[in-house]
């Protein structure tokens, strides 16, 4: 047993989302503290400095040094906002997932929208236009199941997308660092270093890779040049994995047919800030669907992540190792 009573700090708006219902998941009553993203007051800074557990998405030497920290818990998968070298040596760093179901549903919804024009059919019929009426040649549509998907990365998200793609009858190609033990959902495997060879053979390319030194800018101009001009590209990994200028150029110049982009290059400083997601005018392009990093944000994701994070607090209080530890 490490401690009977700990201070758990929820730092920022993102982390605070997981506070409702958190106390009920803990084995013991603990102090739960909500702090804003900007630690402007001395009281806020002291609360942060005396935390045993911090739940947050950003950490560097601009924040007070947490003197008692045993666990820094990221309430998501990506931890590129954490400067690992600044964390106390004896503090565990953990992340959590639970978003793969939501992201896979987003991906399939986006792809289906290219084949099942519900919105256009509805708008037309409200005007008496029966373009898509079965039996006529004008509204005949395509089927998702006749296409091939190429997935970059085969972690939690990649596996969930592959499973659903197979359920729709799609052929699934995967590019990953290591060959998966279970390849039941995969029709073709490619080493990640050879992912460009895959691109010419698929109709849809989905990036699910996290941002790291070896993935930054991985999908570049050469990659887009290797894709079919009819290809659909989707980014539900990290924005920086895809070269910003290359993506804009490929979309603007018609090297690809369409892009669904959910992860970006610049983000607002607050919830009400008006911020374009790139320094480039993606919003002026007609062949791109832009969404505000929403693919994994569902009630189910919140619940699954809250359960994992609360379990990690329980585990450290019992002297057990937390799950999803990240090597520092």
C-alpha atoms as a PDB file:
ATOM      1  CA  UNK A   1       0.000   0.000   0.000  1.00  0.00           C
ATOM      2  CA  UNK A   2       1.496   3.344  -1.066  1.00  0.00           C
ATOM      3  CA  UNK A   3      -0.992   5.927   0.227  1.00  0.00           C
ATOM      4  CA  UNK A   4      -4.499   5.901   1.672  1.00  0.00           C
ATOM      5  CA  UNK A   5      -5.152   9.469   0.516  1.00  0.00           C
ATOM      6  CA  UNK A   6      -3.779  11.258  -2.531  1.00  0.00           C
ATOM      7  CA  UNK A   7      -4.351  14.538  -4.359  1.00  0.00           C
ATOM      8  CA  UNK A   8      -5.477  14.106  -7.951  1.00  0.00           C
ATOM      9  CA  UNK A   9      -5.235  17.238 -10.104  1.00  0.00           C
ATOM     10  CA  UNK A  10      -7.242  17.568 -13.330  1.00  0.00           C
ATOM     11  CA  UNK A  11      -5.227  20.139 -15.276  1.00  0.00           C
ATOM     12  CA  UNK A  12      -7.078  21.978 -18.016  1.00  0.00           C
ATOM     13  CA  UNK A  13     -10.367  21.782 -19.877  1.00  0.00           C
ATOM     14  CA  UNK A  14      -9.623  18.452 -21.535  1.00  0.00           C
ATOM     15  CA  UNK A  15      -8.731  16.700 -18.283  1.00  0.00           C
ATOM     16  CA  UNK A  16     -11.681  18.248 -16.447  1.00  0.00           C
ATOM     17  CA  UNK A  17     -14.036  16.458 -18.832  1.00  0.00           C
ATOM     18  CA  UNK A  18     -13.230  13.242 -16.984  1.00  0.00           C
ATOM     19  CA  UNK A  19     -13.926  14.606 -13.488  1.00  0.00           C
ATOM     20  CA  UNK A  20     -17.697  13.892 -13.281  1.00  0.00           C
ATOM     21  CA  UNK A  21     -18.113  10.391 -11.917  1.00  0.00           C
ATOM     22  CA  UNK A  22     -14.391   9.914 -11.252  1.00  0.00           C
ATOM     23  CA  UNK A  23     -14.693   9.819  -7.451  1.00  0.00           C
ATOM     24  CA  UNK A  24     -17.209   6.985  -7.636  1.00  0.00           C
ATOM     25  CA  UNK A  25     -14.636   4.786  -9.399  1.00  0.00           C
ATOM     26  CA  UNK A  26     -11.993   5.149  -6.684  1.00  0.00           C
ATOM     27  CA  UNK A  27     -11.549   2.576  -3.953  1.00  0.00           C
ATOM     28  CA  UNK A  28     -10.850   5.307  -1.408  1.00  0.00           C
ATOM     29  CA  UNK A  29     -11.946   8.925  -1.087  1.00  0.00           C
ATOM     30  CA  UNK A  30      -9.211  11.215  -2.422  1.00  0.00           C
ATOM     31  CA  UNK A  31      -8.849  14.952  -2.965  1.00  0.00           C
ATOM     32  CA  UNK A  32      -9.836  15.830  -6.530  1.00  0.00           C
ATOM     33  CA  UNK A  33      -8.785  19.295  -7.738  1.00  0.00           C
ATOM     34  CA  UNK A  34      -9.846  21.041 -10.959  1.00  0.00           C
ATOM     35  CA  UNK A  35      -7.316  23.516 -12.345  1.00  0.00           C
ATOM     36  CA  UNK A  36      -7.507  25.732 -15.449  1.00  0.00           C
ATOM     37  CA  UNK A  37      -5.133  25.376 -18.376  1.00  0.00           C
ATOM     38  CA  UNK A  38      -3.342  28.568 -17.309  1.00  0.00           C
ATOM     39  CA  UNK A  39      -2.124  28.396 -13.723  1.00  0.00           C
ATOM     40  CA  UNK A  40      -2.422  32.091 -13.039  1.00  0.00           C
ATOM     41  CA  UNK A  41      -2.829  32.200  -9.277  1.00  0.00           C
ATOM     42  CA  UNK A  42      -0.453  31.158  -6.520  1.00  0.00           C
ATOM     43  CA  UNK A  43      -3.137  28.828  -5.160  1.00  0.00           C
ATOM     44  CA  UNK A  44      -3.408  27.051  -8.512  1.00  0.00           C
ATOM     45  CA  UNK A  45       0.358  26.715  -8.811  1.00  0.00           C
ATOM     46  CA  UNK A  46       0.659  25.349  -5.280  1.00  0.00           C
ATOM     47  CA  UNK A  47      -2.114  22.826  -5.880  1.00  0.00           C
ATOM     48  CA  UNK A  48      -0.289  21.676  -9.000  1.00  0.00           C
ATOM     49  CA  UNK A  49       3.064  21.478  -7.201  1.00  0.00           C
ATOM     50  CA  UNK A  50       1.636  19.319  -4.412  1.00  0.00           C
ATOM     51  CA  UNK A  51      -0.256  16.855  -6.640  1.00  0.00           C
ATOM     52  CA  UNK A  52       0.337  13.122  -6.280  1.00  0.00           C
ATOM     53  CA  UNK A  53      -1.409  12.469  -9.600  1.00  0.00           C
ATOM     54  CA  UNK A  54      -1.777  14.908 -12.493  1.00  0.00           C
ATOM     55  CA  UNK A  55      -4.195  14.258 -15.333  1.00  0.00           C
ATOM     56  CA  UNK A  56      -3.334  16.511 -18.255  1.00  0.00           C
ATOM     57  CA  UNK A  57      -2.195  16.863 -21.849  1.00  0.00           C
ATOM     58  CA  UNK A  58       0.621  19.402 -21.522  1.00  0.00           C
ATOM     59  CA  UNK A  59       3.705  19.477 -19.329  1.00  0.00           C
ATOM     60  CA  UNK A  60       7.018  21.302 -19.535  1.00  0.00           C
ATOM     61  CA  UNK A  61       9.311  23.424 -17.358  1.00  0.00           C
ATOM     62  CA  UNK A  62       6.900  26.394 -17.486  1.00  0.00           C
ATOM     63  CA  UNK A  63       4.732  24.601 -14.917  1.00  0.00           C
ATOM     64  CA  UNK A  64       5.579  24.273 -11.226  1.00  0.00           C
ATOM     65  CA  UNK A  65       7.671  21.230 -10.365  1.00  0.00           C
ATOM     66  CA  UNK A  66       5.299  18.635  -8.853  1.00  0.00           C
ATOM     67  CA  UNK A  67       7.153  17.658  -5.691  1.00  0.00           C
ATOM     68  CA  UNK A  68       5.076  14.603  -4.779  1.00  0.00           C
ATOM     69  CA  UNK A  69       4.198  13.314  -8.223  1.00  0.00           C
ATOM     70  CA  UNK A  70       3.844   9.564  -8.612  1.00  0.00           C
ATOM     71  CA  UNK A  71       1.750   9.450 -11.775  1.00  0.00           C
ATOM     72  CA  UNK A  72       1.309  11.762 -14.742  1.00  0.00           C
ATOM     73  CA  UNK A  73      -1.743  10.432 -16.550  1.00  0.00           C
ATOM     74  CA  UNK A  74      -2.475  11.584 -20.094  1.00  0.00           C
ATOM     75  CA  UNK A  75      -6.242  11.338 -20.758  1.00  0.00           C
ATOM     76  CA  UNK A  76      -5.639  10.140 -24.311  1.00  0.00           C
ATOM     77  CA  UNK A  77      -3.249   8.242 -26.515  1.00  0.00           C
ATOM     78  CA  UNK A  78      -0.956  11.012 -27.755  1.00  0.00           C
ATOM     79  CA  UNK A  79       1.620  12.396 -25.348  1.00  0.00           C
ATOM     80  CA  UNK A  80       3.531  14.693 -27.708  1.00  0.00           C
ATOM     81  CA  UNK A  81       2.492  17.629 -25.481  1.00  0.00           C
ATOM     82  CA  UNK A  82       4.468  16.170 -22.578  1.00  0.00           C
ATOM     83  CA  UNK A  83       8.149  17.044 -22.269  1.00  0.00           C
ATOM     84  CA  UNK A  84       9.127  13.723 -20.778  1.00  0.00           C
ATOM     85  CA  UNK A  85      12.571  14.870 -19.676  1.00  0.00           C
ATOM     86  CA  UNK A  86      10.999  17.454 -17.328  1.00  0.00           C
ATOM     87  CA  UNK A  87       8.919  14.929 -15.392  1.00  0.00           C
ATOM     88  CA  UNK A  88      10.199  13.810 -11.967  1.00  0.00           C
ATOM     89  CA  UNK A  89      12.387  10.738 -12.372  1.00  0.00           C
ATOM     90  CA  UNK A  90      10.303   8.516 -10.081  1.00  0.00           C
ATOM     91  CA  UNK A  91       6.910   9.485 -11.589  1.00  0.00           C
ATOM     92  CA  UNK A  92       5.180   7.099 -13.984  1.00  0.00           C
ATOM     93  CA  UNK A  93       3.902   8.461 -17.292  1.00  0.00           C
ATOM     94  CA  UNK A  94       0.829   6.687 -18.648  1.00  0.00           C
ATOM     95  CA  UNK A  95      -1.607   7.220 -21.489  1.00  0.00           C
ATOM     96  CA  UNK A  96      -4.948   5.601 -22.309  1.00  0.00           C
ATOM     97  CA  UNK A  97      -6.918   4.631 -25.370  1.00  0.00           C
ATOM     98  CA  UNK A  98     -10.615   3.768 -25.617  1.00  0.00           C
ATOM     99  CA  UNK A  99     -11.097   6.037 -28.634  1.00  0.00           C
ATOM    100  CA  UNK A 100     -10.623   3.430 -31.339  1.00  0.00           C
ATOM    101  CA  UNK A 101     -14.321   2.496 -31.574  1.00  0.00           C
ATOM    102  CA  UNK A 102     -15.339   6.130 -32.050  1.00  0.00           C
ATOM    103  CA  UNK A 103     -12.612   6.851 -34.592  1.00  0.00           C
ATOM    104  CA  UNK A 104     -13.399   3.725 -36.588  1.00  0.00           C
ATOM    105  CA  UNK A 105     -17.065   4.764 -36.750  1.00  0.00           C
ATOM    106  CA  UNK A 106     -16.020   8.248 -37.897  1.00  0.00           C
ATOM    107  CA  UNK A 107     -13.824   6.692 -40.603  1.00  0.00           C
ATOM    108  CA  UNK A 108     -16.565   4.442 -41.933  1.00  0.00           C
ATOM    109  CA  UNK A 109     -19.122   7.258 -41.845  1.00  0.00           C
ATOM    110  CA  UNK A 110     -16.796   9.485 -43.845  1.00  0.00           C
ATOM    111  CA  UNK A 111     -16.035   6.782 -46.414  1.00  0.00           C
ATOM    112  CA  UNK A 112     -19.676   5.746 -46.768  1.00  0.00           C
ATOM    113  CA  UNK A 113     -20.599   9.362 -47.482  1.00  0.00           C
ATOM    114  CA  UNK A 114     -18.661   9.073 -50.739  1.00  0.00           C
ATOM    115  CA  UNK A 115     -20.876   6.186 -51.886  1.00  0.00           C
ATOM    116  CA  UNK A 116     -24.281   6.796 -50.262  1.00  0.00           C
ATOM    117  CA  UNK A 117     -25.364  10.412 -50.997  1.00  0.00           C
ATOM    118  CA  UNK A 118     -28.103  10.664 -48.373  1.00  0.00           C
ATOM    119  CA  UNK A 119     -27.811  14.421 -47.994  1.00  0.00           C
ATOM    120  CA  UNK A 120     -28.029  15.129 -51.717  1.00  0.00           C
ATOM    121  CA  UNK A 121     -30.849  12.631 -52.217  1.00  0.00           C
ATOM    122  CA  UNK A 122     -32.853  14.257 -49.414  1.00  0.00           C
ATOM    123  CA  UNK A 123     -32.241  17.778 -50.715  1.00  0.00           C
ATOM    124  CA  UNK A 124     -33.283  16.800 -54.242  1.00  0.00           C
ATOM    125  CA  UNK A 125     -36.427  14.927 -53.263  1.00  0.00           C
ATOM    126  CA  UNK A 126     -37.593  17.904 -51.193  1.00  0.00           C
ATOM    127  CA  UNK A 127     -37.656  19.742 -54.544  1.00  0.00           C
ATOM    128  CA  UNK A 128     -39.394  16.890 -56.380  1.00  0.00           C
ATOM    129  CA  UNK A 129     -36.162  15.647 -57.993  1.00  0.00           C
ATOM    130  CA  UNK A 130     -36.024  11.794 -58.057  1.00  0.00           C
ATOM    131  CA  UNK A 131     -32.463  11.531 -59.401  1.00  0.00           C
ATOM    132  CA  UNK A 132     -31.525   8.499 -57.282  1.00  0.00           C
ATOM    133  CA  UNK A 133     -34.725   6.527 -57.937  1.00  0.00           C
ATOM    134  CA  UNK A 134     -33.973   2.835 -58.411  1.00  0.00           C
ATOM    135  CA  UNK A 135     -34.437   1.801 -62.023  1.00  0.00           C
ATOM    136  CA  UNK A 136     -33.105   4.974 -63.556  1.00  0.00           C
ATOM    137  CA  UNK A 137     -29.529   5.404 -64.878  1.00  0.00           C
ATOM    138  CA  UNK A 138     -28.898   8.898 -63.500  1.00  0.00           C
ATOM    139  CA  UNK A 139     -28.497   8.149 -59.817  1.00  0.00           C
ATOM    140  CA  UNK A 140     -26.701   4.829 -59.804  1.00  0.00           C
ATOM    141  CA  UNK A 141     -24.112   4.882 -57.010  1.00  0.00           C
ATOM    142  CA  UNK A 142     -20.946   3.046 -56.102  1.00  0.00           C
ATOM    143  CA  UNK A 143     -20.309   0.629 -53.223  1.00  0.00           C
ATOM    144  CA  UNK A 144     -17.715   0.904 -50.486  1.00  0.00           C
ATOM    145  CA  UNK A 145     -17.245  -2.858 -50.438  1.00  0.00           C
ATOM    146  CA  UNK A 146     -15.690  -2.808 -53.903  1.00  0.00           C
ATOM    147  CA  UNK A 147     -12.747  -0.689 -52.761  1.00  0.00           C
ATOM    148  CA  UNK A 148      -9.387  -1.313 -51.097  1.00  0.00           C
ATOM    149  CA  UNK A 149      -8.220   0.497 -47.995  1.00  0.00           C
ATOM    150  CA  UNK A 150      -4.609   1.072 -46.962  1.00  0.00           C
ATOM    151  CA  UNK A 151      -4.047   1.726 -43.263  1.00  0.00           C
ATOM    152  CA  UNK A 152      -0.851   3.342 -41.982  1.00  0.00           C
ATOM    153  CA  UNK A 153      -0.256   1.955 -38.501  1.00  0.00           C
ATOM    154  CA  UNK A 154      -1.882  -1.089 -36.947  1.00  0.00           C
ATOM    155  CA  UNK A 155      -2.390  -0.134 -33.323  1.00  0.00           C
ATOM    156  CA  UNK A 156      -5.698   0.296 -31.532  1.00  0.00           C
ATOM    157  CA  UNK A 157      -7.187   2.563 -34.213  1.00  0.00           C
ATOM    158  CA  UNK A 158      -5.824   0.688 -37.208  1.00  0.00           C
ATOM    159  CA  UNK A 159      -7.186  -2.627 -35.954  1.00  0.00           C
ATOM    160  CA  UNK A 160     -10.638  -1.178 -35.264  1.00  0.00           C
ATOM    161  CA  UNK A 161     -10.831   0.365 -38.749  1.00  0.00           C
ATOM    162  CA  UNK A 162      -9.614  -2.841 -40.398  1.00  0.00           C
ATOM    163  CA  UNK A 163     -12.260  -4.891 -38.600  1.00  0.00           C
ATOM    164  CA  UNK A 164     -15.061  -2.633 -39.789  1.00  0.00           C
ATOM    165  CA  UNK A 165     -13.640  -2.327 -43.306  1.00  0.00           C
ATOM    166  CA  UNK A 166     -13.625  -6.116 -43.630  1.00  0.00           C
ATOM    167  CA  UNK A 167     -17.230  -6.209 -42.416  1.00  0.00           C
ATOM    168  CA  UNK A 168     -18.125  -3.987 -45.388  1.00  0.00           C
ATOM    169  CA  UNK A 169     -16.250  -6.302 -47.749  1.00  0.00           C
ATOM    170  CA  UNK A 170     -13.248  -4.055 -48.378  1.00  0.00           C
ATOM    171  CA  UNK A 171      -9.790  -5.400 -49.086  1.00  0.00           C
ATOM    172  CA  UNK A 172      -7.435  -4.296 -46.325  1.00  0.00           C
ATOM    173  CA  UNK A 173      -3.765  -3.422 -46.796  1.00  0.00           C
ATOM    174  CA  UNK A 174      -1.694  -2.465 -43.772  1.00  0.00           C
ATOM    175  CA  UNK A 175       1.691  -0.750 -43.420  1.00  0.00           C
ATOM    176  CA  UNK A 176       3.172  -1.174 -39.964  1.00  0.00           C
ATOM    177  CA  UNK A 177       6.528  -1.269 -38.180  1.00  0.00           C
ATOM    178  CA  UNK A 178       6.099  -4.940 -37.242  1.00  0.00           C
ATOM    179  CA  UNK A 179       4.071  -7.737 -38.768  1.00  0.00           C
ATOM    180  CA  UNK A 180       0.928  -8.368 -36.673  1.00  0.00           C
ATOM    181  CA  UNK A 181       0.562 -11.814 -35.145  1.00  0.00           C
ATOM    182  CA  UNK A 182      -3.143 -11.847 -36.031  1.00  0.00           C
ATOM    183  CA  UNK A 183      -3.565 -11.112 -39.725  1.00  0.00           C
ATOM    184  CA  UNK A 184      -7.131 -12.342 -40.038  1.00  0.00           C
ATOM    185  CA  UNK A 185      -8.330  -8.837 -40.985  1.00  0.00           C
ATOM    186  CA  UNK A 186      -5.452  -8.141 -43.379  1.00  0.00           C
ATOM    187  CA  UNK A 187      -5.223  -9.001 -47.076  1.00  0.00           C
ATOM    188  CA  UNK A 188      -1.741  -7.545 -47.640  1.00  0.00           C
ATOM    189  CA  UNK A 189       1.006  -6.422 -45.264  1.00  0.00           C
ATOM    190  CA  UNK A 190       3.764  -3.888 -45.979  1.00  0.00           C
ATOM    191  CA  UNK A 191       6.670  -2.799 -43.824  1.00  0.00           C
ATOM    192  CA  UNK A 192       6.246   0.836 -42.802  1.00  0.00           C
ATOM    193  CA  UNK A 193       9.505   1.733 -44.563  1.00  0.00           C
ATOM    194  CA  UNK A 194       7.924   0.500 -47.795  1.00  0.00           C
ATOM    195  CA  UNK A 195       4.511   2.080 -47.293  1.00  0.00           C
ATOM    196  CA  UNK A 196       4.741   4.089 -50.534  1.00  0.00           C
ATOM    197  CA  UNK A 197       4.635   0.839 -52.504  1.00  0.00           C
ATOM    198  CA  UNK A 198       1.193   0.185 -51.013  1.00  0.00           C
ATOM    199  CA  UNK A 199      -0.291   3.516 -52.053  1.00  0.00           C
ATOM    200  CA  UNK A 200      -0.675   2.817 -55.766  1.00  0.00           C
ATOM    201  CA  UNK A 201      -2.762  -0.300 -55.024  1.00  0.00           C
ATOM    202  CA  UNK A 202      -5.398   1.147 -52.677  1.00  0.00           C
ATOM    203  CA  UNK A 203      -8.411   3.416 -53.117  1.00  0.00           C
ATOM    204  CA  UNK A 204      -8.395   4.808 -49.585  1.00  0.00           C
ATOM    205  CA  UNK A 205      -5.385   5.760 -47.448  1.00  0.00           C
ATOM    206  CA  UNK A 206      -5.921   6.264 -43.723  1.00  0.00           C
ATOM    207  CA  UNK A 207      -3.194   7.543 -41.419  1.00  0.00           C
ATOM    208  CA  UNK A 208      -3.513   6.368 -37.816  1.00  0.00           C
ATOM    209  CA  UNK A 209       0.120   6.883 -36.786  1.00  0.00           C
ATOM    210  CA  UNK A 210       1.122   8.906 -33.708  1.00  0.00           C
ATOM    211  CA  UNK A 211       3.595  11.768 -33.956  1.00  0.00           C
ATOM    212  CA  UNK A 212       7.170  10.766 -33.230  1.00  0.00           C
ATOM    213  CA  UNK A 213      10.630  11.561 -34.553  1.00  0.00           C
ATOM    214  CA  UNK A 214      10.378   8.791 -37.144  1.00  0.00           C
ATOM    215  CA  UNK A 215       6.826   9.640 -38.281  1.00  0.00           C
ATOM    216  CA  UNK A 216       7.005  13.440 -38.600  1.00  0.00           C
ATOM    217  CA  UNK A 217       6.322  14.372 -42.237  1.00  0.00           C
ATOM    218  CA  UNK A 218       6.222  10.705 -43.222  1.00  0.00           C
ATOM    219  CA  UNK A 219       3.354  11.231 -45.658  1.00  0.00           C
ATOM    220  CA  UNK A 220       5.065  13.676 -47.985  1.00  0.00           C
ATOM    221  CA  UNK A 221       4.880  14.847 -51.578  1.00  0.00           C
ATOM    222  CA  UNK A 222       6.321  11.579 -52.872  1.00  0.00           C
ATOM    223  CA  UNK A 223       3.656   9.645 -51.001  1.00  0.00           C
ATOM    224  CA  UNK A 224       0.828  11.696 -52.510  1.00  0.00           C
ATOM    225  CA  UNK A 225       2.391  11.322 -55.953  1.00  0.00           C
ATOM    226  CA  UNK A 226       2.189   7.544 -55.522  1.00  0.00           C
ATOM    227  CA  UNK A 227      -1.555   7.591 -54.764  1.00  0.00           C
ATOM    228  CA  UNK A 228      -4.224   7.112 -57.387  1.00  0.00           C
ATOM    229  CA  UNK A 229      -5.815  10.340 -58.661  1.00  0.00           C
ATOM    230  CA  UNK A 230      -9.124   8.805 -57.535  1.00  0.00           C
ATOM    231  CA  UNK A 231      -7.781   8.095 -54.031  1.00  0.00           C
ATOM    232  CA  UNK A 232      -9.352   9.300 -50.806  1.00  0.00           C
ATOM    233  CA  UNK A 233      -6.960  10.272 -48.017  1.00  0.00           C
ATOM    234  CA  UNK A 234      -7.885  10.455 -44.347  1.00  0.00           C
ATOM    235  CA  UNK A 235      -5.894  11.600 -41.311  1.00  0.00           C
ATOM    236  CA  UNK A 236      -7.092  10.476 -37.887  1.00  0.00           C
ATOM    237  CA  UNK A 237      -3.572  10.063 -36.513  1.00  0.00           C
ATOM    238  CA  UNK A 238      -1.544  13.176 -35.734  1.00  0.00           C
ATOM    239  CA  UNK A 239      -1.452  16.176 -38.052  1.00  0.00           C
ATOM    240  CA  UNK A 240       2.330  16.376 -38.136  1.00  0.00           C
ATOM    241  CA  UNK A 241       2.659  12.880 -39.616  1.00  0.00           C
ATOM    242  CA  UNK A 242       1.397  14.400 -42.867  1.00  0.00           C
ATOM    243  CA  UNK A 243       3.454  17.138 -44.491  1.00  0.00           C
ATOM    244  CA  UNK A 244       1.257  20.242 -44.416  1.00  0.00           C
ATOM    245  CA  UNK A 245       2.310  21.721 -47.763  1.00  0.00           C
ATOM    246  CA  UNK A 246       2.244  18.341 -49.488  1.00  0.00           C
ATOM    247  CA  UNK A 247      -1.329  17.678 -48.353  1.00  0.00           C
ATOM    248  CA  UNK A 248      -2.484  21.115 -49.452  1.00  0.00           C
ATOM    249  CA  UNK A 249      -0.759  20.810 -52.808  1.00  0.00           C
ATOM    250  CA  UNK A 250      -2.085  17.307 -53.475  1.00  0.00           C
ATOM    251  CA  UNK A 251      -5.637  18.450 -52.717  1.00  0.00           C
ATOM    252  CA  UNK A 252      -5.387  21.744 -54.619  1.00  0.00           C
ATOM    253  CA  UNK A 253      -3.757  20.197 -57.684  1.00  0.00           C
ATOM    254  CA  UNK A 254      -6.075  17.191 -57.844  1.00  0.00           C
ATOM    255  CA  UNK A 255      -3.430  14.551 -57.179  1.00  0.00           C
ATOM    256  CA  UNK A 256      -6.068  12.912 -54.961  1.00  0.00           C
ATOM    257  CA  UNK A 257      -9.849  13.008 -55.254  1.00  0.00           C
ATOM    258  CA  UNK A 258     -10.754  13.895 -51.689  1.00  0.00           C
ATOM    259  CA  UNK A 259      -9.352  14.239 -48.182  1.00  0.00           C
ATOM    260  CA  UNK A 260     -10.972  13.854 -44.770  1.00  0.00           C
ATOM    261  CA  UNK A 261      -8.787  15.641 -42.223  1.00  0.00           C
ATOM    262  CA  UNK A 262      -9.533  15.537 -38.511  1.00  0.00           C
ATOM    263  CA  UNK A 263      -6.086  16.265 -37.025  1.00  0.00           C
ATOM    264  CA  UNK A 264      -4.332  19.521 -37.796  1.00  0.00           C
ATOM    265  CA  UNK A 265      -1.334  21.828 -37.628  1.00  0.00           C
ATOM    266  CA  UNK A 266      -2.515  24.611 -35.348  1.00  0.00           C
ATOM    267  CA  UNK A 267      -5.155  24.643 -32.660  1.00  0.00           C
ATOM    268  CA  UNK A 268      -7.087  27.402 -30.835  1.00  0.00           C
ATOM    269  CA  UNK A 269      -5.753  28.762 -27.565  1.00  0.00           C
ATOM    270  CA  UNK A 270      -9.218  28.583 -26.012  1.00  0.00           C
ATOM    271  CA  UNK A 271     -12.650  27.059 -26.700  1.00  0.00           C
ATOM    272  CA  UNK A 272     -14.079  30.269 -28.141  1.00  0.00           C
ATOM    273  CA  UNK A 273     -11.090  31.329 -30.234  1.00  0.00           C
ATOM    274  CA  UNK A 274     -11.617  31.624 -33.995  1.00  0.00           C
ATOM    275  CA  UNK A 275      -8.660  29.742 -35.427  1.00  0.00           C
ATOM    276  CA  UNK A 276      -8.033  28.219 -38.815  1.00  0.00           C
ATOM    277  CA  UNK A 277      -6.426  24.774 -38.452  1.00  0.00           C
ATOM    278  CA  UNK A 278      -3.550  25.566 -40.790  1.00  0.00           C
ATOM    279  CA  UNK A 279      -1.554  28.514 -42.059  1.00  0.00           C
ATOM    280  CA  UNK A 280      -2.610  27.329 -45.534  1.00  0.00           C
ATOM    281  CA  UNK A 281      -6.140  27.980 -46.873  1.00  0.00           C
ATOM    282  CA  UNK A 282      -7.504  24.435 -46.721  1.00  0.00           C
ATOM    283  CA  UNK A 283     -10.940  25.973 -46.104  1.00  0.00           C
ATOM    284  CA  UNK A 284     -10.958  27.269 -49.673  1.00  0.00           C
ATOM    285  CA  UNK A 285     -10.654  23.791 -51.195  1.00  0.00           C
ATOM    286  CA  UNK A 286     -13.792  21.986 -52.298  1.00  0.00           C
ATOM    287  CA  UNK A 287     -12.365  18.461 -52.256  1.00  0.00           C
ATOM    288  CA  UNK A 288     -11.564  18.305 -48.552  1.00  0.00           C
ATOM    289  CA  UNK A 289     -13.802  17.639 -45.561  1.00  0.00           C
ATOM    290  CA  UNK A 290     -12.493  19.410 -42.456  1.00  0.00           C
ATOM    291  CA  UNK A 291     -13.434  18.356 -38.929  1.00  0.00           C
ATOM    292  CA  UNK A 292     -12.110  19.821 -35.642  1.00  0.00           C
ATOM    293  CA  UNK A 293     -10.263  16.834 -34.120  1.00  0.00           C
ATOM    294  CA  UNK A 294     -13.596  15.249 -33.195  1.00  0.00           C
ATOM    295  CA  UNK A 295     -13.300  11.664 -34.420  1.00  0.00           C
ATOM    296  CA  UNK A 296     -12.624  10.077 -31.037  1.00  0.00           C
ATOM    297  CA  UNK A 297     -14.682  12.371 -28.813  1.00  0.00           C
ATOM    298  CA  UNK A 298     -17.759  10.410 -27.727  1.00  0.00           C
ATOM    299  CA  UNK A 299     -19.512   9.523 -24.481  1.00  0.00           C
ATOM    300  CA  UNK A 300     -18.123   6.009 -24.875  1.00  0.00           C
ATOM    301  CA  UNK A 301     -14.556   7.269 -25.183  1.00  0.00           C
ATOM    302  CA  UNK A 302     -14.927   9.401 -22.049  1.00  0.00           C
ATOM    303  CA  UNK A 303     -16.324   6.492 -20.065  1.00  0.00           C
ATOM    304  CA  UNK A 304     -13.659   4.019 -21.163  1.00  0.00           C
ATOM    305  CA  UNK A 305     -10.807   6.438 -20.490  1.00  0.00           C
ATOM    306  CA  UNK A 306     -12.233   7.525 -17.133  1.00  0.00           C
ATOM    307  CA  UNK A 307     -12.382   3.884 -16.036  1.00  0.00           C
ATOM    308  CA  UNK A 308      -8.750   3.244 -17.019  1.00  0.00           C
ATOM    309  CA  UNK A 309      -7.468   6.405 -15.329  1.00  0.00           C
ATOM    310  CA  UNK A 310      -9.371   5.769 -12.106  1.00  0.00           C
ATOM    311  CA  UNK A 311      -8.043   2.214 -12.095  1.00  0.00           C
ATOM    312  CA  UNK A 312      -4.501   3.575 -12.382  1.00  0.00           C
ATOM    313  CA  UNK A 313      -5.067   5.766  -9.312  1.00  0.00           C
ATOM    314  CA  UNK A 314      -6.357   2.720  -7.451  1.00  0.00           C
ATOM    315  CA  UNK A 315      -3.381   0.693  -8.600  1.00  0.00           C
ATOM    316  CA  UNK A 316      -0.711   3.110  -7.407  1.00  0.00           C
ATOM    317  CA  UNK A 317      -2.473   3.428  -4.054  1.00  0.00           C
ATOM    318  CA  UNK A 318      -2.237  -0.352  -3.742  1.00  0.00           C
ATOM    319  CA  UNK A 319       1.440  -0.368  -4.676  1.00  0.00           C
ATOM    320  CA  UNK A 320       0.743  -1.894  -8.102  1.00  0.00           C
ATOM    321  CA  UNK A 321       2.156  -0.776 -11.428  1.00  0.00           C
ATOM    322  CA  UNK A 322      -0.274   1.343 -13.506  1.00  0.00           C
ATOM    323  CA  UNK A 323      -1.302   0.190 -16.975  1.00  0.00           C
ATOM    324  CA  UNK A 324      -0.133   1.764 -20.236  1.00  0.00           C
ATOM    325  CA  UNK A 325       3.188   2.932 -18.815  1.00  0.00           C
ATOM    326  CA  UNK A 326       5.334   4.870 -21.265  1.00  0.00           C
ATOM    327  CA  UNK A 327       9.074   4.348 -21.146  1.00  0.00           C
ATOM    328  CA  UNK A 328      10.888   7.569 -20.258  1.00  0.00           C
END
